[in-house]
């Protein structure tokens, strides 16, 4: 069922339908200067990530070399070329968080999730990433799960924290 994606409304949309929607977006943006990043953002929101077929379509429609499109995607950490999990877990590794144990929290998350930075769990529930500063230095170390900020996180507590999200996902699936 890889051909079906979920859009923001919670309804299933086929891969073919997403490409048709992307065609409409590209038609609207094709002659606008500076359209590449906004189009990439829209496409990522639609697909949940940026599949190669979408990048090629964007490259052609905006008359940009594929290497330029791929370079922009690779440069900005916001963009992802692999499907992301339902929950994005980001660990702050800014100076305060790093000094107060952010690296140990990251290692604990890697072990608990069984993935490395930039990867997604097999069940597509979690993706793991790092950040440089979340603006909560006095509460270090900090992690964010989606838009939820978790402060003074201890490596020994990450399993329980993740279980809250696992339990919510299980309840939603019932």
Protein backbone atom coordinates (compact mmCIF):
# COMPACT_ATOMS: atom_id res chain seq x y z
CA UNK A 1 0.00 0.00 0.00
CA UNK A 2 2.99 2.26 -0.57
CA UNK A 3 1.07 4.07 -3.29
CA UNK A 4 -1.22 5.67 -0.74
CA UNK A 5 -0.23 8.67 1.31
CA UNK A 6 -2.10 10.56 3.95
CA UNK A 7 -2.66 14.23 3.53
CA UNK A 8 -3.36 16.71 6.32
CA UNK A 9 -7.10 16.00 6.31
CA UNK A 10 -6.50 12.38 7.25
CA UNK A 11 -7.92 11.03 3.99
CA UNK A 12 -5.96 8.64 1.79
CA UNK A 13 -4.71 10.08 -1.49
CA UNK A 14 -3.02 8.00 -4.19
CA UNK A 15 0.49 8.72 -5.40
CA UNK A 16 -1.00 9.53 -8.82
CA UNK A 17 -3.36 12.11 -7.29
CA UNK A 18 -0.47 13.71 -5.37
CA UNK A 19 1.48 14.07 -8.62
CA UNK A 20 -1.56 15.72 -10.25
CA UNK A 21 -1.75 18.14 -7.33
CA UNK A 22 1.98 18.82 -7.67
CA UNK A 23 1.42 19.57 -11.39
CA UNK A 24 -1.15 22.20 -10.38
CA UNK A 25 1.28 23.77 -7.90
CA UNK A 26 4.03 23.81 -10.51
CA UNK A 27 1.72 25.46 -13.04
CA UNK A 28 1.04 28.22 -10.51
CA UNK A 29 4.71 28.73 -9.57
CA UNK A 30 6.58 28.00 -12.81
CA UNK A 31 7.09 31.67 -13.80
CA UNK A 32 7.62 33.09 -10.32
CA UNK A 33 11.16 34.07 -9.34
CA UNK A 34 12.41 32.28 -6.23
CA UNK A 35 9.81 29.52 -6.54
CA UNK A 36 12.09 26.56 -5.81
CA UNK A 37 12.03 26.56 -2.00
CA UNK A 38 8.28 27.29 -1.68
CA UNK A 39 7.51 24.52 -4.20
CA UNK A 40 9.76 22.08 -2.33
CA UNK A 41 8.01 22.97 0.93
CA UNK A 42 4.59 22.42 -0.61
CA UNK A 43 5.67 19.14 -2.20
CA UNK A 44 7.11 17.86 1.09
CA UNK A 45 3.88 18.74 2.88
CA UNK A 46 1.91 16.87 0.22
CA UNK A 47 4.05 13.70 0.08
CA UNK A 48 5.42 13.73 3.63
CA UNK A 49 8.91 13.78 2.11
CA UNK A 50 10.46 14.56 -1.28
CA UNK A 51 10.50 11.49 -3.52
CA UNK A 52 12.93 11.47 -6.45
CA UNK A 53 10.09 11.50 -9.00
CA UNK A 54 8.75 14.73 -7.48
CA UNK A 55 12.21 16.32 -7.49
CA UNK A 56 12.64 15.47 -11.18
CA UNK A 57 9.22 16.91 -11.97
CA UNK A 58 10.06 20.12 -10.05
CA UNK A 59 13.42 20.37 -11.84
CA UNK A 60 11.78 20.14 -15.26
CA UNK A 61 8.86 22.44 -14.49
CA UNK A 62 11.02 25.19 -12.99
CA UNK A 63 13.69 24.75 -15.67
CA UNK A 64 16.41 24.11 -13.08
CA UNK A 65 19.14 21.48 -13.28
CA UNK A 66 18.32 18.44 -11.15
CA UNK A 67 21.66 18.94 -9.37
CA UNK A 68 20.52 22.40 -8.23
CA UNK A 69 17.20 21.07 -6.90
CA UNK A 70 18.91 18.15 -5.14
CA UNK A 71 21.55 20.53 -3.77
CA UNK A 72 18.93 22.76 -2.17
CA UNK A 73 17.18 19.72 -0.68
CA UNK A 74 20.49 18.44 0.69
CA UNK A 75 21.50 21.81 2.11
CA UNK A 76 18.39 22.53 4.18
CA UNK A 77 17.77 20.10 7.04
CA UNK A 78 14.03 20.80 6.85
CA UNK A 79 13.82 18.78 3.64
CA UNK A 80 13.82 15.00 3.62
CA UNK A 81 14.17 12.56 0.73
CA UNK A 82 13.09 9.62 2.89
CA UNK A 83 9.66 9.11 4.42
CA UNK A 84 9.46 10.54 7.90
CA UNK A 85 7.74 9.04 10.87
CA UNK A 86 4.52 10.26 12.37
CA UNK A 87 6.57 11.94 15.12
CA UNK A 88 9.77 13.89 14.52
CA UNK A 89 12.09 13.64 17.53
CA UNK A 90 14.74 16.36 17.54
CA UNK A 91 17.55 16.57 20.07
CA UNK A 92 19.16 19.91 20.75
CA UNK A 93 22.94 19.77 20.51
CA UNK A 94 23.52 23.48 21.00
CA UNK A 95 26.25 24.39 23.48
CA UNK A 96 24.13 24.40 26.66
CA UNK A 97 22.30 21.18 25.80
CA UNK A 98 25.50 19.46 24.68
CA UNK A 99 27.34 20.39 27.88
CA UNK A 100 24.39 19.28 30.04
CA UNK A 101 24.09 15.85 28.45
CA UNK A 102 22.43 16.30 25.07
CA UNK A 103 24.80 13.81 23.42
CA UNK A 104 23.92 11.16 26.02
CA UNK A 105 20.19 11.83 25.46
CA UNK A 106 20.77 11.41 21.72
CA UNK A 107 22.61 8.11 22.26
CA UNK A 108 19.79 6.88 24.49
CA UNK A 109 17.21 7.79 21.81
CA UNK A 110 19.24 6.01 19.14
CA UNK A 111 19.33 2.88 21.28
CA UNK A 112 15.65 3.07 22.26
CA UNK A 113 14.47 3.65 18.70
CA UNK A 114 17.03 1.41 17.00
CA UNK A 115 17.83 4.09 14.42
CA UNK A 116 20.44 6.74 13.76
CA UNK A 117 20.04 10.46 13.08
CA UNK A 118 18.18 11.03 9.81
CA UNK A 119 16.46 7.65 9.93
CA UNK A 120 12.89 6.52 10.57
CA UNK A 121 11.72 3.54 12.59
CA UNK A 122 10.40 0.57 10.61
CA UNK A 123 6.87 1.22 11.92
CA UNK A 124 7.12 4.83 10.61
CA UNK A 125 6.22 6.14 14.06
CA UNK A 126 9.44 8.08 14.79
CA UNK A 127 12.14 9.93 12.87
CA UNK A 128 15.27 11.14 14.65
CA UNK A 129 17.05 14.42 13.98
CA UNK A 130 19.25 16.96 15.75
CA UNK A 131 19.07 20.72 16.08
CA UNK A 132 21.49 23.40 17.19
CA UNK A 133 19.37 25.55 19.50
CA UNK A 134 15.71 25.48 20.46
CA UNK A 135 15.90 28.67 22.53
CA UNK A 136 15.47 26.91 25.88
CA UNK A 137 19.08 26.85 27.07
CA UNK A 138 18.18 27.25 30.75
CA UNK A 139 16.14 24.04 30.51
CA UNK A 140 18.88 21.93 28.92
CA UNK A 141 19.06 19.27 27.73
CA UNK A 142 15.99 19.72 25.54
CA UNK A 143 14.31 17.52 22.96
CA UNK A 144 11.30 18.26 20.81
CA UNK A 145 8.79 15.69 19.68
CA UNK A 146 6.86 17.41 16.92
CA UNK A 147 6.01 20.76 18.55
CA UNK A 148 6.21 19.47 22.15
CA UNK A 149 9.26 20.70 24.07
CA UNK A 150 10.61 18.33 26.72
CA UNK A 151 13.05 19.93 29.15
CA UNK A 152 15.79 18.62 31.43
CA UNK A 153 15.57 15.25 29.70
CA UNK A 154 17.50 12.41 31.31
CA UNK A 155 18.85 9.58 29.13
CA UNK A 156 17.20 7.05 31.46
CA UNK A 157 13.78 8.65 30.91
CA UNK A 158 13.59 8.68 27.10
CA UNK A 159 11.90 5.27 26.93
CA UNK A 160 9.01 6.47 29.10
CA UNK A 161 8.75 9.69 27.14
CA UNK A 162 8.55 7.82 23.83
CA UNK A 163 6.00 5.41 25.29
CA UNK A 164 3.58 8.32 25.72
CA UNK A 165 3.65 8.81 21.94
CA UNK A 166 3.51 5.07 21.28
CA UNK A 167 0.47 4.73 23.54
CA UNK A 168 -1.30 7.67 21.86
CA UNK A 169 -0.62 6.14 18.45
CA UNK A 170 -1.99 2.78 19.63
CA UNK A 171 -5.14 4.44 20.97
CA UNK A 172 -5.66 6.35 17.69
CA UNK A 173 -5.26 3.09 15.77
CA UNK A 174 -8.03 1.37 17.72
